[in-house]
PDB file of all heavy atoms in Angstrom:
ATOM      1  N   LYS A   1      38.879  51.617  88.486  1.00  0.00           N
ATOM      2  CA  LYS A   1      38.731  52.918  87.920  1.00  0.00           C
ATOM      3  C   LYS A   1      37.770  53.840  88.678  1.00  0.00           C
ATOM      4  O   LYS A   1      36.891  53.256  89.385  1.00  0.00           O
ATOM      5  CB  LYS A   1      38.460  52.852  86.443  1.00  0.00           C
ATOM      6  CG  LYS A   1      37.078  52.122  86.145  1.00  0.00           C
ATOM      7  CD  LYS A   1      36.788  51.922  84.691  1.00  0.00           C
ATOM      8  CE  LYS A   1      35.774  52.904  84.197  1.00  0.00           C
ATOM      9  NZ  LYS A   1      35.486  52.805  82.869  1.00  0.00           N
ATOM     10  N   GLU A   2      37.658  55.111  88.348  1.00  0.00           N
ATOM     11  CA  GLU A   2      36.747  55.977  89.001  1.00  0.00           C
ATOM     12  C   GLU A   2      35.497  56.093  88.204  1.00  0.00           C
ATOM     13  O   GLU A   2      35.442  56.066  86.937  1.00  0.00           O
ATOM     14  CB  GLU A   2      37.279  57.414  89.010  1.00  0.00           C
ATOM     15  CG  GLU A   2      38.416  57.656  89.912  1.00  0.00           C
ATOM     16  CD  GLU A   2      39.827  57.568  89.246  1.00  0.00           C
ATOM     17  OE1 GLU A   2      39.856  57.246  87.977  1.00  0.00           O
ATOM     18  OE2 GLU A   2      40.811  57.654  89.855  1.00  0.00           O
ATOM     19  N   ALA A   3      34.291  55.985  88.918  1.00  0.00           N
ATOM     20  CA  ALA A   3      32.970  56.029  88.289  1.00  0.00           C
ATOM     21  C   ALA A   3      32.426  57.419  88.470  1.00  0.00           C
ATOM     22  O   ALA A   3      32.855  58.227  89.351  1.00  0.00           O
ATOM     23  CB  ALA A   3      32.008  55.038  89.023  1.00  0.00           C
ATOM     24  N   PRO A   4      31.528  57.835  87.569  1.00  0.00           N
ATOM     25  CA  PRO A   4      30.951  59.223  87.706  1.00  0.00           C
ATOM     26  C   PRO A   4      30.123  59.356  88.897  1.00  0.00           C
ATOM     27  O   PRO A   4      29.458  58.538  89.328  1.00  0.00           O
ATOM     28  CB  PRO A   4      30.060  59.284  86.458  1.00  0.00           C
ATOM     29  CG  PRO A   4      30.438  58.235  85.637  1.00  0.00           C
ATOM     30  CD  PRO A   4      31.010  57.127  86.385  1.00  0.00           C
ATOM     31  N   LEU A   5      30.195  60.640  89.465  1.00  0.00           N
ATOM     32  CA  LEU A   5      29.372  61.041  90.581  1.00  0.00           C
ATOM     33  C   LEU A   5      28.361  62.058  90.033  1.00  0.00           C
ATOM     34  O   LEU A   5      28.683  62.802  89.067  1.00  0.00           O
ATOM     35  CB  LEU A   5      30.182  61.729  91.640  1.00  0.00           C
ATOM     36  CG  LEU A   5      31.139  60.939  92.533  1.00  0.00           C
ATOM     37  CD1 LEU A   5      32.046  61.918  93.190  1.00  0.00           C
ATOM     38  CD2 LEU A   5      30.392  60.143  93.507  1.00  0.00           C
ATOM     39  N   ASP A   6      27.339  62.308  90.698  1.00  0.00           N
ATOM     40  CA  ASP A   6      26.374  63.306  90.385  1.00  0.00           C
ATOM     41  C   ASP A   6      27.010  64.657  90.796  1.00  0.00           C
ATOM     42  O   ASP A   6      27.630  64.752  91.723  1.00  0.00           O
ATOM     43  CB  ASP A   6      25.021  63.120  91.082  1.00  0.00           C
ATOM     44  CG  ASP A   6      23.935  64.017  90.425  1.00  0.00           C
ATOM     45  OD1 ASP A   6      23.349  63.632  89.511  1.00  0.00           O
ATOM     46  OD2 ASP A   6      23.733  65.158  90.964  1.00  0.00           O
ATOM     47  N   ILE A   7      26.736  65.675  89.932  1.00  0.00           N
ATOM     48  CA  ILE A   7      27.557  66.972  90.113  1.00  0.00           C
ATOM     49  C   ILE A   7      26.986  67.639  91.350  1.00  0.00           C
ATOM     50  O   ILE A   7      27.744  68.477  91.995  1.00  0.00           O
ATOM     51  CB  ILE A   7      27.252  67.828  88.883  1.00  0.00           C
ATOM     52  CG1 ILE A   7      28.382  68.842  88.699  1.00  0.00           C
ATOM     53  CG2 ILE A   7      25.856  68.518  88.886  1.00  0.00           C
ATOM     54  CD1 ILE A   7      28.458  69.524  87.500  1.00  0.00           C
ATOM     55  N   SER A   8      25.758  67.280  91.870  1.00  0.00           N
ATOM     56  CA  SER A   8      25.306  67.863  93.105  1.00  0.00           C
ATOM     57  C   SER A   8      25.981  67.319  94.317  1.00  0.00           C
ATOM     58  O   SER A   8      25.792  67.888  95.335  1.00  0.00           O
ATOM     59  CB  SER A   8      23.803  67.666  93.240  1.00  0.00           C
ATOM     60  OG  SER A   8      23.475  66.279  93.313  1.00  0.00           O
ATOM     61  N   ASN A   9      26.749  66.209  94.227  1.00  0.00           N
ATOM     62  CA  ASN A   9      27.393  65.599  95.378  1.00  0.00           C
ATOM     63  C   ASN A   9      28.827  66.056  95.545  1.00  0.00           C
ATOM     64  O   ASN A   9      29.468  65.512  96.476  1.00  0.00           O
ATOM     65  CB  ASN A   9      27.402  64.023  95.217  1.00  0.00           C
ATOM     66  CG  ASN A   9      25.958  63.520  95.267  1.00  0.00           C
ATOM     67  OD1 ASN A   9      25.062  64.098  95.817  1.00  0.00           O
ATOM     68  ND2 ASN A   9      25.778  62.297  94.776  1.00  0.00           N
ATOM     69  N   VAL A  10      29.223  67.038  94.797  1.00  0.00           N
ATOM     70  CA  VAL A  10      30.582  67.667  94.941  1.00  0.00           C
ATOM     71  C   VAL A  10      30.533  69.187  95.100  1.00  0.00           C
ATOM     72  O   VAL A  10      29.502  69.717  94.572  1.00  0.00           O
ATOM     73  CB  VAL A  10      31.554  67.183  93.815  1.00  0.00           C
ATOM     74  CG1 VAL A  10      31.768  65.800  93.811  1.00  0.00           C
ATOM     75  CG2 VAL A  10      31.094  67.698  92.543  1.00  0.00           C
ATOM     76  N   ALA A  11      31.439  69.764  95.889  1.00  0.00           N
ATOM     77  CA  ALA A  11      31.481  71.150  95.999  1.00  0.00           C
ATOM     78  C   ALA A  11      32.975  71.652  95.804  1.00  0.00           C
ATOM     79  O   ALA A  11      33.891  70.948  96.256  1.00  0.00           O
ATOM     80  CB  ALA A  11      30.964  71.550  97.287  1.00  0.00           C
ATOM     81  N   ILE A  12      33.149  72.823  95.273  1.00  0.00           N
ATOM     82  CA  ILE A  12      34.448  73.360  95.079  1.00  0.00           C
ATOM     83  C   ILE A  12      35.054  73.728  96.444  1.00  0.00           C
ATOM     84  O   ILE A  12      34.356  74.165  97.350  1.00  0.00           O
ATOM     85  CB  ILE A  12      34.457  74.581  94.234  1.00  0.00           C
ATOM     86  CG1 ILE A  12      34.058  74.119  92.784  1.00  0.00           C
ATOM     87  CG2 ILE A  12      35.725  75.376  94.190  1.00  0.00           C
ATOM     88  CD1 ILE A  12      34.062  75.188  91.726  1.00  0.00           C
ATOM     89  N   THR A  13      36.438  73.449  96.612  1.00  0.00           N
ATOM     90  CA  THR A  13      37.132  73.753  97.879  1.00  0.00           C
ATOM     91  C   THR A  13      38.481  74.384  97.490  1.00  0.00           C
ATOM     92  O   THR A  13      38.995  74.157  96.518  1.00  0.00           O
ATOM     93  CB  THR A  13      37.222  72.558  98.680  1.00  0.00           C
ATOM     94  OG1 THR A  13      37.875  72.841  99.934  1.00  0.00           O
ATOM     95  CG2 THR A  13      38.068  71.429  98.073  1.00  0.00           C
ATOM     96  N   LYS A  14      39.019  75.074  98.548  1.00  0.00           N
ATOM     97  CA  LYS A  14      40.271  75.708  98.375  1.00  0.00           C
ATOM     98  C   LYS A  14      41.331  74.946  99.381  1.00  0.00           C
ATOM     99  O   LYS A  14      42.472  74.702  98.934  1.00  0.00           O
ATOM    100  CB  LYS A  14      40.296  77.169  98.614  1.00  0.00           C
ATOM    101  CG  LYS A  14      39.718  77.945  97.493  1.00  0.00           C
ATOM    102  CD  LYS A  14      40.058  79.341  97.693  1.00  0.00           C
ATOM    103  CE  LYS A  14      39.642  80.131  96.412  1.00  0.00           C
ATOM    104  NZ  LYS A  14      40.291  81.393  96.320  1.00  0.00           N
ATOM    105  N   ASP A  15      40.838  74.590 100.523  1.00  0.00           N
ATOM    106  CA  ASP A  15      41.706  74.035 101.513  1.00  0.00           C
ATOM    107  C   ASP A  15      41.435  72.540 101.789  1.00  0.00           C
ATOM    108  O   ASP A  15      41.892  71.953 102.748  1.00  0.00           O
ATOM    109  CB  ASP A  15      41.558  74.851 102.807  1.00  0.00           C
ATOM    110  CG  ASP A  15      40.161  74.830 103.364  1.00  0.00           C
ATOM    111  OD1 ASP A  15      39.256  74.156 102.803  1.00  0.00           O
ATOM    112  OD2 ASP A  15      39.920  75.405 104.478  1.00  0.00           O
ATOM    113  N   ASP A  16      40.731  71.829 100.935  1.00  0.00           N
ATOM    114  CA  ASP A  16      40.362  70.446 101.065  1.00  0.00           C
ATOM    115  C   ASP A  16      39.568  70.031 102.340  1.00  0.00           C
ATOM    116  O   ASP A  16      39.392  68.937 102.709  1.00  0.00           O
ATOM    117  CB  ASP A  16      41.707  69.650 100.985  1.00  0.00           C
ATOM    118  CG  ASP A  16      42.309  69.508  99.714  1.00  0.00           C
ATOM    119  OD1 ASP A  16      41.705  69.912  98.678  1.00  0.00           O
ATOM    120  OD2 ASP A  16      43.444  69.074  99.577  1.00  0.00           O
ATOM    121  N   LYS A  17      38.916  71.103 102.932  1.00  0.00           N
ATOM    122  CA  LYS A  17      38.173  70.844 104.031  1.00  0.00           C
ATOM    123  C   LYS A  17      36.707  71.444 103.954  1.00  0.00           C
ATOM    124  O   LYS A  17      35.727  70.778 104.228  1.00  0.00           O
ATOM    125  CB  LYS A  17      38.751  71.361 105.362  1.00  0.00           C
ATOM    126  CG  LYS A  17      40.129  70.598 105.721  1.00  0.00           C
ATOM    127  CD  LYS A  17      40.819  71.141 106.893  1.00  0.00           C
ATOM    128  CE  LYS A  17      42.131  70.527 107.084  1.00  0.00           C
ATOM    129  NZ  LYS A  17      43.004  71.250 108.021  1.00  0.00           N
ATOM    130  N   THR A  18      36.666  72.800 103.614  1.00  0.00           N
ATOM    131  CA  THR A  18      35.403  73.356 103.547  1.00  0.00           C
ATOM    132  C   THR A  18      34.895  73.599 102.130  1.00  0.00           C
ATOM    133  O   THR A  18      35.594  74.051 101.268  1.00  0.00           O
ATOM    134  CB  THR A  18      35.522  74.851 104.237  1.00  0.00           C
ATOM    135  OG1 THR A  18      36.585  75.476 103.549  1.00  0.00           O
ATOM    136  CG2 THR A  18      35.829  74.782 105.757  1.00  0.00           C
ATOM    137  N   PRO A  19      33.639  73.142 101.970  1.00  0.00           N
ATOM    138  CA  PRO A  19      32.936  73.363 100.588  1.00  0.00           C
ATOM    139  C   PRO A  19      32.628  74.882 100.473  1.00  0.00           C
ATOM    140  O   PRO A  19      32.294  75.533 101.434  1.00  0.00           O
ATOM    141  CB  PRO A  19      31.727  72.504 100.651  1.00  0.00           C
ATOM    142  CG  PRO A  19      31.538  72.207 102.056  1.00  0.00           C
ATOM    143  CD  PRO A  19      32.820  72.430 102.863  1.00  0.00           C
ATOM    144  N   LEU A  20      32.839  75.277  99.218  1.00  0.00           N
ATOM    145  CA  LEU A  20      32.444  76.773  98.868  1.00  0.00           C
ATOM    146  C   LEU A  20      31.322  76.854  97.886  1.00  0.00           C
ATOM    147  O   LEU A  20      31.190  75.827  97.126  1.00  0.00           O
ATOM    148  CB  LEU A  20      33.691  77.467  98.313  1.00  0.00           C
ATOM    149  CG  LEU A  20      34.921  77.438  99.150  1.00  0.00           C
ATOM    150  CD1 LEU A  20      36.121  77.973  98.370  1.00  0.00           C
ATOM    151  CD2 LEU A  20      34.735  78.282 100.392  1.00  0.00           C
ATOM    152  N   ARG A  21      30.623  77.858  97.962  1.00  0.00           N
ATOM    153  CA  ARG A  21      29.529  78.099  97.015  1.00  0.00           C
ATOM    154  C   ARG A  21      30.040  78.992  95.866  1.00  0.00           C
ATOM    155  O   ARG A  21      30.746  79.956  96.068  1.00  0.00           O
ATOM    156  CB  ARG A  21      28.363  78.757  97.666  1.00  0.00           C
ATOM    157  CG  ARG A  21      27.664  77.888  98.609  1.00  0.00           C
ATOM    158  CD  ARG A  21      26.324  78.273  99.111  1.00  0.00           C
ATOM    159  NE  ARG A  21      25.750  77.330  99.995  1.00  0.00           N
ATOM    160  CZ  ARG A  21      24.436  77.051  99.927  1.00  0.00           C
ATOM    161  NH1 ARG A  21      23.606  77.665  99.053  1.00  0.00           N
ATOM    162  NH2 ARG A  21      23.973  76.210 100.743  1.00  0.00           N
ATOM    163  N   VAL A  22      29.717  78.652  94.624  1.00  0.00           N
ATOM    164  CA  VAL A  22      30.197  79.310  93.499  1.00  0.00           C
ATOM    165  C   VAL A  22      29.022  80.091  92.922  1.00  0.00           C
ATOM    166  O   VAL A  22      27.844  79.593  92.757  1.00  0.00           O
ATOM    167  CB  VAL A  22      30.726  78.303  92.403  1.00  0.00           C
ATOM    168  CG1 VAL A  22      31.222  79.061  91.214  1.00  0.00           C
ATOM    169  CG2 VAL A  22      31.859  77.471  93.102  1.00  0.00           C
ATOM    170  N   SER A  23      29.241  81.306  92.395  1.00  0.00           N
ATOM    171  CA  SER A  23      28.286  82.043  91.622  1.00  0.00           C
ATOM    172  C   SER A  23      28.999  82.779  90.468  1.00  0.00           C
ATOM    173  O   SER A  23      30.240  82.650  90.303  1.00  0.00           O
ATOM    174  CB  SER A  23      27.568  83.109  92.502  1.00  0.00           C
ATOM    175  OG  SER A  23      28.486  84.031  93.011  1.00  0.00           O
ATOM    176  N   PHE A  24      28.214  83.407  89.566  1.00  0.00           N
ATOM    177  CA  PHE A  24      28.767  84.045  88.472  1.00  0.00           C
ATOM    178  C   PHE A  24      28.498  85.590  88.721  1.00  0.00           C
ATOM    179  O   PHE A  24      27.526  85.965  89.295  1.00  0.00           O
ATOM    180  CB  PHE A  24      28.082  83.639  87.280  1.00  0.00           C
ATOM    181  CG  PHE A  24      28.432  82.155  86.830  1.00  0.00           C
ATOM    182  CD1 PHE A  24      27.589  81.223  87.114  1.00  0.00           C
ATOM    183  CD2 PHE A  24      29.653  81.952  86.157  1.00  0.00           C
ATOM    184  CE1 PHE A  24      27.902  79.902  86.748  1.00  0.00           C
ATOM    185  CE2 PHE A  24      29.905  80.681  85.846  1.00  0.00           C
ATOM    186  CZ  PHE A  24      29.011  79.578  86.133  1.00  0.00           C
ATOM    187  N   GLN A  25      29.545  86.398  88.187  1.00  0.00           N
ATOM    188  CA  GLN A  25      29.415  87.845  88.155  1.00  0.00           C
ATOM    189  C   GLN A  25      29.706  88.337  86.817  1.00  0.00           C
ATOM    190  O   GLN A  25      30.554  87.773  86.137  1.00  0.00           O
ATOM    191  CB  GLN A  25      30.247  88.496  89.190  1.00  0.00           C
ATOM    192  CG  GLN A  25      29.777  88.515  90.614  1.00  0.00           C
ATOM    193  CD  GLN A  25      30.740  89.480  91.576  1.00  0.00           C
ATOM    194  OE1 GLN A  25      31.756  89.818  91.136  1.00  0.00           O
ATOM    195  NE2 GLN A  25      30.116  89.730  92.600  1.00  0.00           N
ATOM    196  N   GLY A  26      28.992  89.418  86.381  1.00  0.00           N
ATOM    197  CA  GLY A  26      29.154  89.946  85.072  1.00  0.00           C
ATOM    198  C   GLY A  26      28.248  89.325  84.095  1.00  0.00           C
ATOM    199  O   GLY A  26      27.486  88.504  84.376  1.00  0.00           O
ATOM    200  N   GLU A  27      28.446  89.908  82.833  1.00  0.00           N
ATOM    201  CA  GLU A  27      27.527  89.368  81.797  1.00  0.00           C
ATOM    202  C   GLU A  27      28.347  89.116  80.502  1.00  0.00           C
ATOM    203  O   GLU A  27      29.451  89.798  80.284  1.00  0.00           O
ATOM    204  CB  GLU A  27      26.332  90.364  81.519  1.00  0.00           C
ATOM    205  CG  GLU A  27      25.426  90.563  82.693  1.00  0.00           C
ATOM    206  CD  GLU A  27      24.229  91.404  82.309  1.00  0.00           C
ATOM    207  OE1 GLU A  27      23.953  91.448  81.122  1.00  0.00           O
ATOM    208  OE2 GLU A  27      23.664  91.908  83.183  1.00  0.00           O
ATOM    209  N   LYS A  28      27.843  88.257  79.686  1.00  0.00           N
ATOM    210  CA  LYS A  28      28.396  87.845  78.359  1.00  0.00           C
ATOM    211  C   LYS A  28      29.830  87.643  78.543  1.00  0.00           C
ATOM    212  O   LYS A  28      30.242  86.686  79.138  1.00  0.00           O
ATOM    213  CB  LYS A  28      28.172  89.008  77.336  1.00  0.00           C
ATOM    214  CG  LYS A  28      26.704  89.332  77.207  1.00  0.00           C
ATOM    215  CD  LYS A  28      26.035  88.445  76.247  1.00  0.00           C
ATOM    216  CE  LYS A  28      24.553  88.889  76.074  1.00  0.00           C
ATOM    217  NZ  LYS A  28      23.872  88.123  75.064  1.00  0.00           N
ATOM    218  N   LYS A  29      30.735  88.295  77.910  1.00  0.00           N
ATOM    219  CA  LYS A  29      32.147  88.181  77.998  1.00  0.00           C
ATOM    220  C   LYS A  29      32.883  88.384  79.251  1.00  0.00           C
ATOM    221  O   LYS A  29      33.933  87.881  79.466  1.00  0.00           O
ATOM    222  CB  LYS A  29      32.866  88.968  76.897  1.00  0.00           C
ATOM    223  CG  LYS A  29      32.502  88.502  75.404  1.00  0.00           C
ATOM    224  CD  LYS A  29      33.253  89.264  74.345  1.00  0.00           C
ATOM    225  CE  LYS A  29      32.869  88.798  73.042  1.00  0.00           C
ATOM    226  NZ  LYS A  29      33.623  89.467  71.962  1.00  0.00           N
ATOM    227  N   ASP A  30      32.269  89.236  80.074  1.00  0.00           N
ATOM    228  CA  ASP A  30      32.761  89.528  81.433  1.00  0.00           C
ATOM    229  C   ASP A  30      32.440  88.662  82.435  1.00  0.00           C
ATOM    230  O   ASP A  30      32.873  88.836  83.648  1.00  0.00           O
ATOM    231  CB  ASP A  30      32.431  91.055  81.774  1.00  0.00           C
ATOM    232  CG  ASP A  30      32.954  92.087  80.737  1.00  0.00           C
ATOM    233  OD1 ASP A  30      33.911  91.841  80.196  1.00  0.00           O
ATOM    234  OD2 ASP A  30      32.150  93.132  80.542  1.00  0.00           O
ATOM    235  N   LYS A  31      31.735  87.654  82.162  1.00  0.00           N
ATOM    236  CA  LYS A  31      31.218  86.731  83.088  1.00  0.00           C
ATOM    237  C   LYS A  31      32.300  85.806  83.782  1.00  0.00           C
ATOM    238  O   LYS A  31      33.069  85.230  82.946  1.00  0.00           O
ATOM    239  CB  LYS A  31      30.161  85.675  82.443  1.00  0.00           C
ATOM    240  CG  LYS A  31      29.374  84.861  83.411  1.00  0.00           C
ATOM    241  CD  LYS A  31      28.310  84.083  82.508  1.00  0.00           C
ATOM    242  CE  LYS A  31      27.345  83.434  83.412  1.00  0.00           C
ATOM    243  NZ  LYS A  31      26.316  82.696  82.590  1.00  0.00           N
ATOM    244  N   VAL A  32      32.544  85.858  85.092  1.00  0.00           N
ATOM    245  CA  VAL A  32      33.456  85.074  85.700  1.00  0.00           C
ATOM    246  C   VAL A  32      32.907  84.300  86.934  1.00  0.00           C
ATOM    247  O   VAL A  32      31.881  84.759  87.447  1.00  0.00           O
ATOM    248  CB  VAL A  32      34.644  85.938  86.321  1.00  0.00           C
ATOM    249  CG1 VAL A  32      35.444  86.578  85.204  1.00  0.00           C
ATOM    250  CG2 VAL A  32      34.129  87.042  87.218  1.00  0.00           C
ATOM    251  N   ARG A  33      33.559  83.183  87.349  1.00  0.00           N
ATOM    252  CA  ARG A  33      33.040  82.469  88.553  1.00  0.00           C
ATOM    253  C   ARG A  33      33.727  83.061  89.743  1.00  0.00           C
ATOM    254  O   ARG A  33      34.891  83.351  89.815  1.00  0.00           O
ATOM    255  CB  ARG A  33      33.529  80.981  88.416  1.00  0.00           C
ATOM    256  CG  ARG A  33      32.896  80.200  87.339  1.00  0.00           C
ATOM    257  CD  ARG A  33      33.257  78.700  87.381  1.00  0.00           C
ATOM    258  NE  ARG A  33      34.570  78.556  87.278  1.00  0.00           N
ATOM    259  CZ  ARG A  33      35.219  77.393  87.687  1.00  0.00           C
ATOM    260  NH1 ARG A  33      34.532  76.353  88.053  1.00  0.00           N
ATOM    261  NH2 ARG A  33      36.581  77.256  87.592  1.00  0.00           N
ATOM    262  N   VAL A  34      32.983  83.282  90.809  1.00  0.00           N
ATOM    263  CA  VAL A  34      33.463  83.792  92.082  1.00  0.00           C
ATOM    264  C   VAL A  34      32.962  82.953  93.177  1.00  0.00           C
ATOM    265  O   VAL A  34      31.975  82.276  93.176  1.00  0.00           O
ATOM    266  CB  VAL A  34      32.986  85.241  92.236  1.00  0.00           C
ATOM    267  CG1 VAL A  34      33.600  86.200  91.197  1.00  0.00           C
ATOM    268  CG2 VAL A  34      31.465  85.382  92.242  1.00  0.00           C
ATOM    269  N   VAL A  35      33.684  82.918  94.378  1.00  0.00           N
ATOM    270  CA  VAL A  35      33.274  82.370  95.583  1.00  0.00           C
ATOM    271  C   VAL A  35      33.353  83.443  96.702  1.00  0.00           C
ATOM    272  O   VAL A  35      34.140  84.340  96.639  1.00  0.00           O
ATOM    273  CB  VAL A  35      34.234  81.169  95.928  1.00  0.00           C
ATOM    274  CG1 VAL A  35      34.027  80.021  94.927  1.00  0.00           C
ATOM    275  CG2 VAL A  35      35.665  81.610  96.072  1.00  0.00           C
ATOM    276  N   LYS A  36      32.494  83.092  97.721  1.00  0.00           N
ATOM    277  CA  LYS A  36      32.394  84.018  98.741  1.00  0.00           C
ATOM    278  C   LYS A  36      33.162  83.277  99.953  1.00  0.00           C
ATOM    279  O   LYS A  36      32.836  82.278 100.332  1.00  0.00           O
ATOM    280  CB  LYS A  36      31.003  84.364  99.234  1.00  0.00           C
ATOM    281  CG  LYS A  36      30.766  85.653  99.909  1.00  0.00           C
ATOM    282  CD  LYS A  36      29.302  85.767 100.130  1.00  0.00           C
ATOM    283  CE  LYS A  36      28.984  87.310 100.090  1.00  0.00           C
ATOM    284  NZ  LYS A  36      27.699  87.530 100.346  1.00  0.00           N
ATOM    285  N   VAL A  37      34.350  83.905 100.451  1.00  0.00           N
ATOM    286  CA  VAL A  37      35.149  83.301 101.443  1.00  0.00           C
ATOM    287  C   VAL A  37      35.175  84.345 102.523  1.00  0.00           C
ATOM    288  O   VAL A  37      35.781  85.441 102.418  1.00  0.00           O
ATOM    289  CB  VAL A  37      36.517  83.009 100.923  1.00  0.00           C
ATOM    290  CG1 VAL A  37      37.391  82.394 101.976  1.00  0.00           C
ATOM    291  CG2 VAL A  37      36.474  82.097  99.756  1.00  0.00           C
ATOM    292  N   ASN A  38      34.741  84.040 103.762  1.00  0.00           N
ATOM    293  CA  ASN A  38      34.834  84.892 104.961  1.00  0.00           C
ATOM    294  C   ASN A  38      34.334  86.240 104.647  1.00  0.00           C
ATOM    295  O   ASN A  38      34.818  87.264 105.102  1.00  0.00           O
ATOM    296  CB  ASN A  38      36.268  84.922 105.448  1.00  0.00           C
ATOM    297  CG  ASN A  38      36.808  83.597 105.852  1.00  0.00           C
ATOM    298  OD1 ASN A  38      36.084  82.741 106.373  1.00  0.00           O
ATOM    299  ND2 ASN A  38      38.184  83.465 105.800  1.00  0.00           N
ATOM    300  N   GLY A  39      33.175  86.337 103.877  1.00  0.00           N
ATOM    301  CA  GLY A  39      32.497  87.592 103.585  1.00  0.00           C
ATOM    302  C   GLY A  39      33.188  88.401 102.369  1.00  0.00           C
ATOM    303  O   GLY A  39      32.575  89.325 102.076  1.00  0.00           O
ATOM    304  N   LYS A  40      34.259  87.847 101.921  1.00  0.00           N
ATOM    305  CA  LYS A  40      34.897  88.508 100.820  1.00  0.00           C
ATOM    306  C   LYS A  40      34.665  87.726  99.567  1.00  0.00           C
ATOM    307  O   LYS A  40      34.694  86.563  99.495  1.00  0.00           O
ATOM    308  CB  LYS A  40      36.403  88.656 101.038  1.00  0.00           C
ATOM    309  CG  LYS A  40      36.854  89.470 102.261  1.00  0.00           C
ATOM    310  CD  LYS A  40      38.246  89.315 102.417  1.00  0.00           C
ATOM    311  CE  LYS A  40      38.676  89.893 103.817  1.00  0.00           C
ATOM    312  NZ  LYS A  40      39.955  89.394 104.293  1.00  0.00           N
ATOM    313  N   ILE A  41      34.434  88.466  98.411  1.00  0.00           N
ATOM    314  CA  ILE A  41      34.193  87.896  97.184  1.00  0.00           C
ATOM    315  C   ILE A  41      35.589  87.651  96.421  1.00  0.00           C
ATOM    316  O   ILE A  41      36.292  88.663  96.225  1.00  0.00           O
ATOM    317  CB  ILE A  41      33.235  88.640  96.280  1.00  0.00           C
ATOM    318  CG1 ILE A  41      31.894  88.607  96.981  1.00  0.00           C
ATOM    319  CG2 ILE A  41      33.164  88.077  94.882  1.00  0.00           C
ATOM    320  CD1 ILE A  41      30.849  89.480  96.203  1.00  0.00           C
ATOM    321  N   GLU A  42      35.865  86.483  96.023  1.00  0.00           N
ATOM    322  CA  GLU A  42      37.184  86.195  95.335  1.00  0.00           C
ATOM    323  C   GLU A  42      36.817  85.485  94.010  1.00  0.00           C
ATOM    324  O   GLU A  42      36.023  84.649  93.902  1.00  0.00           O
ATOM    325  CB  GLU A  42      38.064  85.144  96.202  1.00  0.00           C
ATOM    326  CG  GLU A  42      38.562  85.683  97.510  1.00  0.00           C
ATOM    327  CD  GLU A  42      39.379  84.668  98.282  1.00  0.00           C
ATOM    328  OE1 GLU A  42      39.806  83.655  97.713  1.00  0.00           O
ATOM    329  OE2 GLU A  42      39.635  84.951  99.468  1.00  0.00           O
ATOM    330  N   LYS A  43      37.693  85.922  93.045  1.00  0.00           N
ATOM    331  CA  LYS A  43      37.622  85.361  91.675  1.00  0.00           C
ATOM    332  C   LYS A  43      38.223  83.922  91.713  1.00  0.00           C
ATOM    333  O   LYS A  43      39.189  83.722  92.412  1.00  0.00           O
ATOM    334  CB  LYS A  43      38.468  86.246  90.792  1.00  0.00           C
ATOM    335  CG  LYS A  43      38.150  86.001  89.347  1.00  0.00           C
ATOM    336  CD  LYS A  43      38.891  86.992  88.449  1.00  0.00           C
ATOM    337  CE  LYS A  43      38.877  86.718  87.063  1.00  0.00           C
ATOM    338  NZ  LYS A  43      39.628  87.607  86.231  1.00  0.00           N
TER     339      LYS A  43
END
């Protein structure tokens, strides 16, 4: 079975190769997760 990993040892990816950094934009109800890819901000 799979054992737990520390959350700091994983990073979100889109293409299974490059790790991406995640941040939040907006406040309260408008808060969404975004990533910066090639200088562009994507939801």
